[in-house]
Amino acid sequence: MTGWLLGGVGLLLLITGVTLDVLIGERLKERFDLALLAKARTLIALTDQDREGVDFDLSEDLMPEFEVQKEPEGTESELDEETEYFQLWWVDGRVLARSSTLADQDLSKSAEWDETPRFSDLGLPDGRLGRQVQIGFLPHIDTEEDDKGGADNADRSTGPANSVSGETVVPSDTPLKPEPLILILARGRAPLDELLAALRLMLLIAGASVIGLTVLLVRFAVGISLRPLAEIHRQVERLNADSLDARVKPSVRTEELDGVVNQFNALLERLETAFERERRFSSDVAHELRTPLAELHNLAEVGSRWSDDPTLARDFFDEMLGATRQIERIVENLLALARFEKGQAIGEPTDLDLVALIEAAWRRMLPETQAKALILQRQGPAHLMVRTGRDQNELIFNNLFSNAVAYSPAKSRVIYRVTENDSHGRASVSIVNHAEYLDSKDLPHLFERLWRKDPARTGGNHAGLGLNLVKAYAEQLNLTTTVALEPDRTFRITLSGFIPVPHPTERDRRTVTEAHST
């Protein structure tokens, strides 16, 4: 992480440094060019044109940078870094004037006359790198009468041979027309290059300093930030199945880790609840199995003592069969729960007659219903085709009728009510029976694993897994399960959400009707 961070900071600094170097470099070059242009315009202001020709009046005292400095006798003259150069041309290429620093050399000129300044780099006559500006201009027309003569006129052009003026005298009655001129001014760019080099060095030093400080700050910040993480690591290492009630509590809270710590503690809470539920479940299963196993053990001991009595032996076998059926039902329900929790669907959705499936489940309870003289009553249509899972629904209604038969009083009625279309176009089934042991406060616990009302724990073949399985498989089929208890102790459990489909004979009738209509 530190390497990626430093790499990102380095790349950002590189981009920033290059951008600053380009922007500031261009700005410095622009200022350098503006100063060069201002100096060129000063030289242009020294150029006049009158009827006697073009006059370029340059004072050596005011601009010594254009003159060769005189050295003591016996030494060679040298050009220093402040030396500058200029050259003035007629548009036809004739030289009007040049600085003495050029001697007999020429500056590089473009043949085209243009009033727009042109800047370019060049090699100066003294070997230094320089920068020049070329600008075309029209000299200032001096309309005043020049009363001076003699020596003054000696400096004015009377022909192309003069180095200052290349025009002949124009008669006084002829209007003056400005003669296009080209000026090039050049100077060494050493100050500009030195400033740019200093700028680049400063940017390099600043970038290296920022990277160095970033390394120190990142290590310091990461070290401080990871202390709570290391503390969390130590606390998590001490956690096991017996200490899930503990929670991760770093001594220093950080905004970045608060969300992780809260989610981890929430996970520990869910794990603690799950482990506690499994421990309670294991204990309840052991309790449920202990009763029928103890009964089998006692029956086996008693049967071995009176094995010669056929009547007594038959009674023992009937009781043993009841105990084994209870164990078998517990094991089957546990296996069904295990399959559900693993996400293993049993059977694919198919079209079936839900009423026929319900009555088949009731017939499987025939021995128990006959023993208690219970009557099954249907309310609703005699057939209801739905698309659902056969295996899940068989398990659901087997458990619902098993509970209804076990807890209904003798000689009472068990009602199943079928509704074809509710407000959402779905079908529903309700199982109604009298439950004298239930109270309204018991309803929230009905779907808990291994929960049974205390009076029922004294006997019976129910382990408290049936309704838990009903709810689990109803959810797998996208069915909604609701329970209600009337004041007269009438208990009702409703499964809603079945998808109705046309009965096969009705589909055949629709097909024939559609064929006739076409």
Protein backbone atom coordinates (compact mmCIF):
# COMPACT_ATOMS: atom_id res chain seq x y z
CA MET A 1 0.00 0.00 0.00
CA THR A 2 2.85 2.37 0.85
CA GLY A 3 4.55 1.65 -2.48
CA TRP A 4 1.37 2.37 -4.44
CA LEU A 5 0.82 5.57 -2.47
CA LEU A 6 4.37 6.78 -3.05
CA GLY A 7 4.14 5.86 -6.72
CA GLY A 8 0.93 7.85 -7.04
CA VAL A 9 2.40 10.85 -5.22
CA GLY A 10 5.55 10.66 -7.39
CA LEU A 11 3.49 10.55 -10.59
CA LEU A 12 1.37 13.47 -9.41
CA LEU A 13 4.47 15.48 -8.57
CA LEU A 14 6.04 14.65 -11.93
CA ILE A 15 2.96 15.81 -13.82
CA THR A 16 2.74 18.94 -11.66
CA GLY A 17 6.46 19.70 -12.10
CA VAL A 18 6.35 19.30 -15.87
CA THR A 19 3.24 21.46 -16.07
CA LEU A 20 4.79 24.20 -13.92
CA ASP A 21 8.03 24.02 -15.88
CA VAL A 22 6.18 24.48 -19.18
CA LEU A 23 3.86 27.22 -17.91
CA ILE A 24 6.49 29.21 -16.01
CA GLY A 25 9.08 28.64 -18.76
CA GLU A 26 6.70 30.00 -21.38
CA ARG A 27 5.86 32.92 -19.12
CA LEU A 28 9.54 33.76 -18.57
CA LYS A 29 10.26 33.46 -22.30
CA GLU A 30 7.31 35.74 -22.99
CA ARG A 31 8.65 38.36 -20.57
CA PHE A 32 12.11 38.00 -22.11
CA ASP A 33 10.62 38.53 -25.59
CA LEU A 34 8.61 41.53 -24.41
CA ALA A 35 11.78 43.16 -23.08
CA LEU A 36 13.53 42.38 -26.36
CA LEU A 37 10.61 43.88 -28.31
CA ALA A 38 10.58 47.00 -26.11
CA LYS A 39 14.29 47.49 -26.84
CA ALA A 40 13.63 47.03 -30.56
CA ARG A 41 10.87 49.66 -30.50
CA THR A 42 13.31 52.03 -28.80
CA LEU A 43 15.69 51.59 -31.71
CA ILE A 44 12.80 52.13 -34.15
CA ALA A 45 12.01 55.41 -32.38
CA LEU A 46 15.57 56.57 -33.19
CA THR A 47 14.88 56.26 -36.94
CA ASP A 48 13.59 59.35 -38.84
CA GLN A 49 13.02 60.08 -42.50
CA ASP A 50 13.03 63.54 -44.10
CA ARG A 51 13.69 64.95 -47.54
CA GLU A 52 17.38 64.38 -47.15
CA GLY A 53 16.97 60.66 -46.38
CA VAL A 54 16.74 58.26 -43.41
CA ASP A 55 18.52 59.23 -40.23
CA PHE A 56 19.35 56.60 -37.56
CA ASP A 57 20.60 58.52 -34.52
CA LEU A 58 22.18 56.09 -32.04
CA SER A 59 24.17 57.46 -29.11
CA GLU A 60 27.03 55.24 -27.93
CA ASP A 61 26.85 56.76 -24.48
CA LEU A 62 23.15 55.85 -24.00
CA MET A 63 23.43 52.30 -25.37
CA PRO A 64 26.97 51.05 -24.82
CA GLU A 65 25.82 47.43 -25.16
CA PHE A 66 25.91 47.84 -28.95
CA GLU A 67 29.54 49.07 -29.02
CA VAL A 68 32.79 47.14 -28.71
CA GLN A 69 34.37 48.07 -25.42
CA LYS A 70 37.86 49.47 -25.71
CA GLU A 71 40.43 47.52 -23.74
CA PRO A 72 43.75 48.79 -22.46
CA GLU A 73 46.44 49.03 -25.11
CA GLY A 74 48.17 45.74 -25.75
CA THR A 75 45.07 43.57 -24.87
CA GLU A 76 42.40 42.07 -27.10
CA SER A 77 38.85 43.37 -26.95
CA GLU A 78 36.27 40.83 -25.72
CA LEU A 79 32.46 40.74 -25.78
CA ASP A 80 30.77 40.24 -22.41
CA GLU A 81 27.36 38.72 -21.66
CA GLU A 82 25.63 42.12 -21.81
CA THR A 83 26.67 42.63 -25.42
CA GLU A 84 23.75 43.04 -27.82
CA TYR A 85 23.42 43.19 -31.59
CA PHE A 86 21.21 44.97 -34.06
CA GLN A 87 21.06 45.28 -37.82
CA LEU A 88 18.89 47.55 -39.97
CA TRP A 89 18.03 46.76 -43.62
CA TRP A 90 16.23 48.35 -46.48
CA VAL A 91 13.46 46.06 -47.70
CA ASP A 92 15.54 45.29 -50.80
CA GLY A 93 18.27 43.75 -48.62
CA ARG A 94 20.71 46.68 -48.43
CA VAL A 95 22.13 47.23 -44.95
CA LEU A 96 21.25 50.58 -43.52
CA ALA A 97 23.05 50.20 -40.18
CA ARG A 98 24.50 47.61 -37.84
CA SER A 99 25.95 47.61 -34.36
CA SER A 100 29.72 47.70 -34.06
CA THR A 101 29.49 44.46 -32.08
CA LEU A 102 28.65 42.70 -35.34
CA ALA A 103 31.78 43.95 -37.13
CA ASP A 104 31.35 42.59 -40.68
CA GLN A 105 28.91 39.79 -39.77
CA ASP A 106 25.19 39.69 -40.48
CA LEU A 107 22.25 38.50 -38.44
CA SER A 108 19.86 35.94 -39.92
CA LYS A 109 16.98 37.81 -41.60
CA SER A 110 13.78 36.63 -43.21
CA ALA A 111 13.26 38.08 -46.68
CA GLU A 112 9.61 38.87 -46.02
CA TRP A 113 8.71 42.30 -44.60
CA ASP A 114 6.16 42.02 -41.78
CA GLU A 115 5.14 44.46 -39.08
CA THR A 116 4.36 41.52 -36.76
CA PRO A 117 7.34 40.79 -34.47
CA ARG A 118 8.99 37.42 -35.10
CA PHE A 119 10.96 35.79 -32.28
CA SER A 120 13.46 32.99 -32.76
CA ASP A 121 16.55 31.43 -31.22
CA LEU A 122 19.94 31.77 -32.86
CA GLY A 123 23.65 31.39 -32.37
CA LEU A 124 25.24 34.79 -31.69
CA PRO A 125 28.43 35.85 -33.49
CA ASP A 126 30.37 35.37 -30.24
CA GLY A 127 29.23 31.73 -30.02
CA ARG A 128 26.63 32.21 -27.28
CA LEU A 129 23.03 31.10 -27.57
CA GLY A 130 20.75 34.03 -28.15
CA ARG A 131 17.29 35.14 -29.06
CA GLN A 132 16.30 37.70 -31.65
CA VAL A 133 13.27 39.68 -32.76
CA GLN A 134 12.69 40.76 -36.37
CA ILE A 135 10.19 43.50 -37.04
CA GLY A 136 9.32 45.50 -40.17
CA PHE A 137 8.43 49.16 -39.75
CA LEU A 138 8.02 52.48 -41.53
CA PRO A 139 10.29 55.25 -40.22
CA HIS A 140 8.89 58.43 -38.70
CA ILE A 141 8.48 61.28 -41.25
CA ASP A 142 10.12 64.50 -40.06
CA THR A 143 8.21 67.38 -41.76
CA GLU A 144 10.11 70.22 -40.06
CA GLU A 145 12.58 72.18 -42.15
CA ASP A 146 16.09 71.25 -41.25
CA ASP A 147 18.11 74.51 -41.12
CA LYS A 148 21.27 72.79 -40.15
CA GLY A 149 23.90 72.08 -42.77
CA GLY A 150 27.50 71.20 -43.05
CA ALA A 151 28.35 68.60 -40.48
CA ASP A 152 24.69 67.74 -39.88
CA ASN A 153 24.18 66.88 -43.53
CA ALA A 154 27.22 64.69 -43.51
CA ASP A 155 25.35 62.14 -41.45
CA ARG A 156 22.47 61.93 -43.95
CA SER A 157 22.23 59.51 -46.83
CA THR A 158 23.06 60.79 -50.31
CA GLY A 159 23.39 57.35 -51.89
CA PRO A 160 23.57 53.69 -51.26
CA ALA A 161 27.28 53.80 -50.30
CA ASN A 162 26.61 55.53 -46.95
CA SER A 163 26.17 53.04 -44.02
CA VAL A 164 23.54 55.17 -42.36
CA SER A 165 21.42 56.34 -45.27
CA GLY A 166 20.81 54.77 -48.63
CA GLU A 167 18.46 57.30 -50.25
CA THR A 168 19.13 60.43 -52.30
CA VAL A 169 17.77 63.81 -51.35
CA VAL A 170 14.13 64.23 -52.32
CA PRO A 171 13.05 67.58 -53.85
CA SER A 172 11.02 69.75 -51.48
CA ASP A 173 7.95 69.81 -53.69
CA THR A 174 7.60 66.00 -53.73
CA PRO A 175 5.47 64.34 -50.91
CA LEU A 176 7.58 62.08 -48.68
CA LYS A 177 6.79 58.35 -48.80
CA PRO A 178 8.07 56.20 -45.87
CA GLU A 179 10.63 53.62 -46.89
CA PRO A 180 9.99 50.12 -45.40
CA LEU A 181 12.81 49.01 -43.10
CA ILE A 182 13.58 45.75 -41.27
CA LEU A 183 15.19 45.68 -37.83
CA ILE A 184 16.66 42.67 -36.03
CA LEU A 185 17.70 42.93 -32.40
CA ALA A 186 19.50 40.01 -30.73
CA ARG A 187 20.83 39.40 -27.26
CA GLY A 188 22.17 36.43 -25.32
CA ARG A 189 19.61 34.23 -23.61
CA ALA A 190 21.93 33.17 -20.80
CA PRO A 191 19.87 35.00 -18.12
CA LEU A 192 16.71 33.24 -19.35
CA ASP A 193 18.39 29.83 -19.43
CA GLU A 194 19.91 30.36 -15.98
CA LEU A 195 16.49 31.30 -14.60
CA LEU A 196 14.88 28.24 -16.21
CA ALA A 197 17.64 26.01 -14.86
CA ALA A 198 17.13 27.47 -11.38
CA LEU A 199 13.39 26.87 -11.72
CA ARG A 200 13.89 23.22 -12.71
CA LEU A 201 16.35 22.71 -9.87
CA MET A 202 13.89 24.24 -7.43
CA LEU A 203 11.08 22.00 -8.71
CA LEU A 204 13.33 18.95 -8.47
CA ILE A 205 14.37 19.78 -4.91
CA ALA A 206 10.75 20.52 -3.94
CA GLY A 207 9.55 17.25 -5.48
CA ALA A 208 12.27 15.22 -3.76
CA SER A 209 11.48 16.93 -0.46
CA VAL A 210 7.75 16.24 -0.83
CA ILE A 211 8.41 12.57 -1.62
CA GLY A 212 10.74 12.27 1.35
CA LEU A 213 8.23 13.90 3.67
CA THR A 214 5.48 11.73 2.20
CA VAL A 215 7.47 8.58 2.99
CA LEU A 216 7.90 9.69 6.60
CA LEU A 217 4.30 10.81 7.00
CA VAL A 218 2.88 7.69 5.35
CA ARG A 219 4.91 5.39 7.56
CA PHE A 220 3.96 7.39 10.62
CA ALA A 221 0.27 7.61 9.67
CA VAL A 222 0.04 3.96 8.60
CA GLY A 223 1.78 2.87 11.78
CA ILE A 224 -0.70 4.80 13.91
CA SER A 225 -3.69 3.72 11.79
CA LEU A 226 -2.72 0.04 11.93
CA ARG A 227 -2.37 -0.06 15.70
CA PRO A 228 -6.14 -0.56 16.19
CA LEU A 229 -6.07 -3.17 13.42
CA ALA A 230 -3.27 -5.07 15.15
CA GLU A 231 -5.24 -4.87 18.39
CA ILE A 232 -8.34 -6.20 16.61
CA HIS A 233 -6.22 -9.03 15.19
CA ARG A 234 -5.08 -10.03 18.69
CA GLN A 235 -8.64 -9.95 20.02
CA VAL A 236 -9.98 -12.02 17.12
CA GLU A 237 -7.22 -14.61 17.63
CA ARG A 238 -8.55 -15.28 21.15
CA LEU A 239 -12.10 -15.95 19.91
CA ASN A 240 -13.45 -19.51 19.72
CA ALA A 241 -16.76 -21.33 19.94
CA ASP A 242 -16.80 -20.88 23.72
CA SER A 243 -16.15 -17.13 23.70
CA LEU A 244 -18.58 -15.87 21.07
CA ASP A 245 -20.14 -13.60 23.70
CA ALA A 246 -16.99 -11.44 23.55
CA ARG A 247 -16.92 -8.40 21.30
CA VAL A 248 -14.09 -6.64 19.48
CA LYS A 249 -13.34 -3.37 21.26
CA PRO A 250 -10.21 -1.50 20.05
CA SER A 251 -8.84 0.93 22.60
CA VAL A 252 -8.56 3.64 19.93
CA ARG A 253 -11.54 4.17 17.69
CA THR A 254 -10.98 5.25 14.10
CA GLU A 255 -13.61 6.33 11.62
CA GLU A 256 -12.18 4.02 8.94
CA LEU A 257 -12.41 0.89 11.13
CA ASP A 258 -15.66 1.64 12.98
CA GLY A 259 -17.78 0.17 10.20
CA VAL A 260 -15.67 -3.00 10.04
CA VAL A 261 -15.72 -3.41 13.83
CA ASN A 262 -19.50 -2.91 14.00
CA GLN A 263 -20.14 -5.43 11.21
CA PHE A 264 -17.76 -7.94 12.78
CA ASN A 265 -19.46 -7.59 16.17
CA ALA A 266 -22.83 -8.03 14.46
CA LEU A 267 -21.48 -11.21 12.86
CA LEU A 268 -20.31 -12.45 16.28
CA GLU A 269 -23.76 -11.75 17.66
CA ARG A 270 -25.39 -13.77 14.87
CA LEU A 271 -22.89 -16.59 15.38
CA GLU A 272 -23.53 -16.56 19.12
CA THR A 273 -27.29 -16.76 18.47
CA ALA A 274 -26.82 -19.57 15.95
CA PHE A 275 -24.52 -21.56 18.27
CA GLU A 276 -26.89 -21.08 21.16
CA ARG A 277 -29.80 -22.19 19.00
CA GLU A 278 -27.87 -25.29 17.90
CA ARG A 279 -26.92 -26.13 21.48
CA ARG A 280 -30.54 -25.75 22.54
CA PHE A 281 -31.63 -27.76 19.52
CA SER A 282 -29.21 -30.58 20.35
CA SER A 283 -30.44 -30.59 23.93
CA ASP A 284 -34.08 -30.65 22.84
CA VAL A 285 -33.46 -33.46 20.33
CA ALA A 286 -31.73 -35.49 23.01
CA HIS A 287 -34.69 -34.85 25.33
CA GLU A 288 -37.19 -35.87 22.64
CA LEU A 289 -35.34 -39.06 21.77
CA ARG A 290 -34.67 -40.01 25.37
CA THR A 291 -38.36 -40.58 26.16
CA PRO A 292 -39.14 -43.11 23.37
CA LEU A 293 -35.75 -44.78 23.79
CA ALA A 294 -36.33 -45.19 27.53
CA GLU A 295 -39.77 -46.59 26.75
CA LEU A 296 -38.24 -49.08 24.31
CA HIS A 297 -35.68 -50.05 26.90
CA ASN A 298 -38.34 -50.69 29.56
CA LEU A 299 -40.55 -52.58 27.13
CA ALA A 300 -37.65 -54.80 26.11
CA GLU A 301 -36.83 -55.62 29.75
CA VAL A 302 -40.45 -56.35 30.64
CA GLY A 303 -41.02 -58.33 27.43
CA SER A 304 -38.00 -60.51 28.09
CA ARG A 305 -39.44 -61.53 31.49
CA TRP A 306 -42.94 -62.44 30.24
CA SER A 307 -42.15 -63.57 26.74
CA ASP A 308 -44.34 -66.71 27.18
CA ASP A 309 -47.60 -64.73 27.39
CA PRO A 310 -48.81 -64.10 23.79
CA THR A 311 -51.36 -61.45 24.77
CA LEU A 312 -48.84 -59.49 26.86
CA ALA A 313 -46.19 -59.85 24.16
CA ARG A 314 -48.58 -58.46 21.53
CA ASP A 315 -49.30 -55.42 23.71
CA PHE A 316 -45.56 -54.91 24.20
CA PHE A 317 -44.97 -55.04 20.46
CA ASP A 318 -47.74 -52.52 19.80
CA GLU A 319 -46.20 -50.11 22.30
CA MET A 320 -42.74 -50.67 20.86
CA LEU A 321 -44.11 -49.95 17.38
CA GLY A 322 -45.55 -46.64 18.64
CA ALA A 323 -42.21 -45.68 20.20
CA THR A 324 -40.26 -46.53 17.07
CA ARG A 325 -42.73 -44.53 14.97
CA GLN A 326 -42.14 -41.52 17.18
CA ILE A 327 -38.36 -41.90 16.77
CA GLU A 328 -38.78 -42.38 13.04
CA ARG A 329 -40.88 -39.22 12.76
CA ILE A 330 -38.32 -37.19 14.69
CA VAL A 331 -35.48 -38.45 12.48
CA GLU A 332 -37.43 -37.84 9.27
CA ASN A 333 -38.26 -34.30 10.30
CA LEU A 334 -34.63 -33.62 11.25
CA LEU A 335 -33.46 -34.91 7.87
CA ALA A 336 -36.05 -32.76 6.11
CA LEU A 337 -34.84 -29.68 8.02
CA ALA A 338 -31.24 -30.49 7.15
CA ARG A 339 -32.12 -30.76 3.45
CA PHE A 340 -33.96 -27.46 3.58
CA GLU A 341 -31.12 -25.62 5.34
CA LYS A 342 -28.69 -26.91 2.71
CA GLY A 343 -30.93 -25.42 0.02
CA GLN A 344 -31.80 -28.78 -1.47
CA ALA A 345 -35.16 -28.49 -3.23
CA ILE A 346 -37.20 -31.68 -3.26
CA GLY A 347 -39.21 -32.08 -6.43
CA GLU A 348 -40.00 -29.67 -9.25
CA PRO A 349 -43.21 -27.55 -9.45
CA THR A 350 -46.00 -29.37 -11.25
CA ASP A 351 -49.73 -29.07 -11.86
CA LEU A 352 -51.69 -31.04 -9.25
CA ASP A 353 -55.09 -31.18 -7.63
CA LEU A 354 -54.53 -29.59 -4.24
CA VAL A 355 -57.84 -30.89 -2.81
CA ALA A 356 -56.93 -34.48 -3.75
CA LEU A 357 -53.47 -34.05 -2.17
CA ILE A 358 -55.02 -32.74 1.07
CA GLU A 359 -57.50 -35.62 1.35
CA ALA A 360 -54.72 -38.14 0.63
CA ALA A 361 -52.77 -36.65 3.56
CA TRP A 362 -55.86 -37.07 5.78
CA ARG A 363 -56.26 -40.71 4.75
CA ARG A 364 -52.69 -41.40 5.88
CA MET A 365 -53.84 -40.36 9.36
CA LEU A 366 -56.74 -42.87 9.33
CA PRO A 367 -55.63 -44.97 12.34
CA GLU A 368 -55.28 -41.88 14.53
CA THR A 369 -58.49 -40.23 13.29
CA GLN A 370 -60.49 -43.40 13.87
CA ALA A 371 -59.07 -43.79 17.35
CA LYS A 372 -60.31 -40.29 18.26
CA ALA A 373 -63.42 -40.41 16.03
CA LEU A 374 -62.43 -37.24 14.23
CA ILE A 375 -64.32 -36.03 11.15
CA LEU A 376 -62.76 -34.13 8.22
CA GLN A 377 -64.96 -31.47 6.67
CA ARG A 378 -64.17 -29.64 3.40
CA GLN A 379 -65.33 -26.10 2.66
CA GLY A 380 -64.79 -24.99 -0.92
CA PRO A 381 -64.48 -26.55 -4.37
CA ALA A 382 -64.05 -30.28 -4.84
CA HIS A 383 -61.06 -29.72 -7.14
CA LEU A 384 -58.40 -27.04 -7.28
CA MET A 385 -55.55 -27.26 -9.77
CA VAL A 386 -52.43 -25.35 -8.73
CA ARG A 387 -48.80 -25.24 -9.84
CA THR A 388 -46.65 -26.15 -6.86
CA GLY A 389 -44.24 -28.73 -5.48
CA ARG A 390 -45.83 -32.13 -4.74
CA ASP A 391 -43.23 -33.39 -2.23
CA GLN A 392 -43.17 -30.16 -0.22
CA ASN A 393 -46.96 -29.98 -0.04
CA GLU A 394 -47.27 -33.63 1.03
CA LEU A 395 -44.85 -32.93 3.88
CA ILE A 396 -46.68 -29.70 4.77
CA PHE A 397 -50.16 -31.21 4.97
CA ASN A 398 -48.93 -34.40 6.66
CA ASN A 399 -47.55 -32.25 9.49
CA LEU A 400 -50.57 -29.95 9.62
CA PHE A 401 -53.02 -32.87 9.94
CA SER A 402 -50.71 -34.66 12.37
CA ASN A 403 -50.81 -31.63 14.68
CA ALA A 404 -54.54 -31.17 14.20
CA VAL A 405 -55.27 -34.82 15.02
CA ALA A 406 -52.92 -34.85 18.01
CA TYR A 407 -54.33 -31.76 19.70
CA SER A 408 -58.02 -31.88 18.70
CA PRO A 409 -60.51 -33.22 21.25
CA ALA A 410 -62.10 -36.59 20.51
CA LYS A 411 -65.21 -36.61 18.34
CA SER A 412 -64.51 -33.10 17.00
CA ARG A 413 -64.24 -31.77 13.46
CA VAL A 414 -61.14 -30.80 11.49
CA ILE A 415 -62.03 -28.39 8.69
CA TYR A 416 -59.98 -27.52 5.66
CA ARG A 417 -61.20 -24.46 3.82
CA VAL A 418 -60.16 -23.89 0.16
CA THR A 419 -60.36 -20.44 -1.45
CA GLU A 420 -59.85 -20.38 -5.22
CA ASN A 421 -59.12 -16.66 -5.84
CA ASP A 422 -58.25 -14.05 -3.27
CA SER A 423 -57.77 -10.33 -3.91
CA HIS A 424 -54.41 -11.09 -5.59
CA GLY A 425 -55.77 -13.89 -7.81
CA ARG A 426 -54.11 -16.60 -5.73
CA ALA A 427 -55.54 -19.62 -3.89
CA SER A 428 -55.29 -20.40 -0.19
CA VAL A 429 -55.95 -23.31 2.20
CA SER A 430 -56.85 -23.07 5.90
CA ILE A 431 -56.80 -25.93 8.44
CA VAL A 432 -59.15 -25.29 11.35
CA ASN A 433 -59.42 -27.36 14.54
CA HIS A 434 -60.17 -26.88 18.21
CA ALA A 435 -56.98 -26.47 20.32
CA GLU A 436 -57.90 -26.40 23.98
CA TYR A 437 -54.30 -26.12 25.21
CA LEU A 438 -53.31 -23.04 23.17
CA ASP A 439 -53.33 -19.40 24.28
CA SER A 440 -52.85 -16.29 22.17
CA LYS A 441 -49.42 -15.75 23.74
CA ASP A 442 -48.34 -19.13 22.35
CA LEU A 443 -48.81 -18.14 18.69
CA PRO A 444 -45.37 -16.45 18.22
CA HIS A 445 -43.66 -19.68 19.39
CA LEU A 446 -45.53 -22.14 17.20
CA PHE A 447 -42.90 -22.17 14.44
CA GLU A 448 -39.91 -22.49 16.76
CA ARG A 449 -37.94 -25.72 16.64
CA LEU A 450 -38.89 -28.32 19.24
CA TRP A 451 -41.39 -26.00 20.93
CA ARG A 452 -44.44 -27.67 22.43
CA LYS A 453 -47.02 -26.60 24.91
CA ASP A 454 -46.12 -28.05 28.32
CA PRO A 455 -49.18 -30.34 28.64
CA ALA A 456 -48.24 -32.00 25.36
CA ARG A 457 -44.75 -32.92 26.61
CA THR A 458 -46.18 -35.58 28.85
CA GLY A 459 -46.72 -37.90 25.90
CA GLY A 460 -47.57 -38.17 22.22
CA ASN A 461 -45.60 -38.63 19.05
CA HIS A 462 -44.78 -34.99 18.35
CA ALA A 463 -41.35 -33.47 18.83
CA GLY A 464 -42.22 -29.87 18.01
CA LEU A 465 -40.65 -29.91 14.53
CA GLY A 466 -43.76 -30.14 12.37
CA LEU A 467 -44.79 -26.48 12.18
CA ASN A 468 -41.16 -25.43 11.81
CA LEU A 469 -40.98 -27.66 8.74
CA VAL A 470 -44.32 -26.32 7.48
CA LYS A 471 -43.06 -22.74 7.55
CA ALA A 472 -39.68 -23.68 6.02
CA TYR A 473 -41.15 -25.48 3.03
CA ALA A 474 -43.92 -22.91 2.62
CA GLU A 475 -41.23 -20.25 2.22
CA GLN A 476 -39.47 -22.46 -0.32
CA LEU A 477 -42.73 -22.52 -2.33
CA ASN A 478 -43.23 -18.72 -1.90
CA LEU A 479 -46.29 -19.34 0.28
CA THR A 480 -47.33 -17.17 3.20
CA THR A 481 -48.13 -18.84 6.54
CA THR A 482 -50.43 -17.17 9.08
CA VAL A 483 -52.00 -18.43 12.32
CA ALA A 484 -54.96 -17.23 14.35
CA LEU A 485 -56.72 -18.33 17.57
CA GLU A 486 -60.37 -17.47 18.11
CA PRO A 487 -61.76 -16.75 21.57
CA ASP A 488 -63.49 -20.18 21.56
CA ARG A 489 -60.02 -21.83 21.14
CA THR A 490 -60.55 -22.49 17.45
CA PHE A 491 -57.10 -22.58 15.90
CA ARG A 492 -56.59 -21.71 12.22
CA ILE A 493 -53.43 -21.95 10.13
CA THR A 494 -53.57 -20.60 6.57
CA LEU A 495 -51.31 -21.14 3.58
CA SER A 496 -51.83 -18.52 0.86
CA GLY A 497 -50.12 -17.81 -2.44
CA PHE A 498 -50.94 -20.94 -4.49
CA ILE A 499 -50.99 -20.26 -8.23
CA PRO A 500 -54.23 -21.63 -9.75
CA VAL A 501 -54.09 -23.30 -13.17
CA PRO A 502 -57.00 -24.54 -15.35
CA HIS A 503 -58.22 -28.07 -14.75
CA PRO A 504 -57.20 -30.49 -17.56
CA THR A 505 -60.81 -30.95 -18.71
CA GLU A 506 -61.28 -27.17 -18.67
CA ARG A 507 -58.10 -26.71 -20.75
CA ASP A 508 -59.42 -29.26 -23.25
CA ARG A 509 -62.75 -27.41 -23.41
CA ARG A 510 -60.95 -24.07 -23.97
CA THR A 511 -58.83 -25.60 -26.74
CA VAL A 512 -61.94 -26.88 -28.54
CA THR A 513 -63.68 -23.49 -28.16
CA GLU A 514 -60.66 -21.64 -29.56
CA ALA A 515 -60.46 -24.07 -32.49
CA HIS A 516 -64.13 -23.46 -33.35
CA SER A 517 -63.71 -19.69 -33.07
CA THR A 518 -60.81 -19.71 -35.53
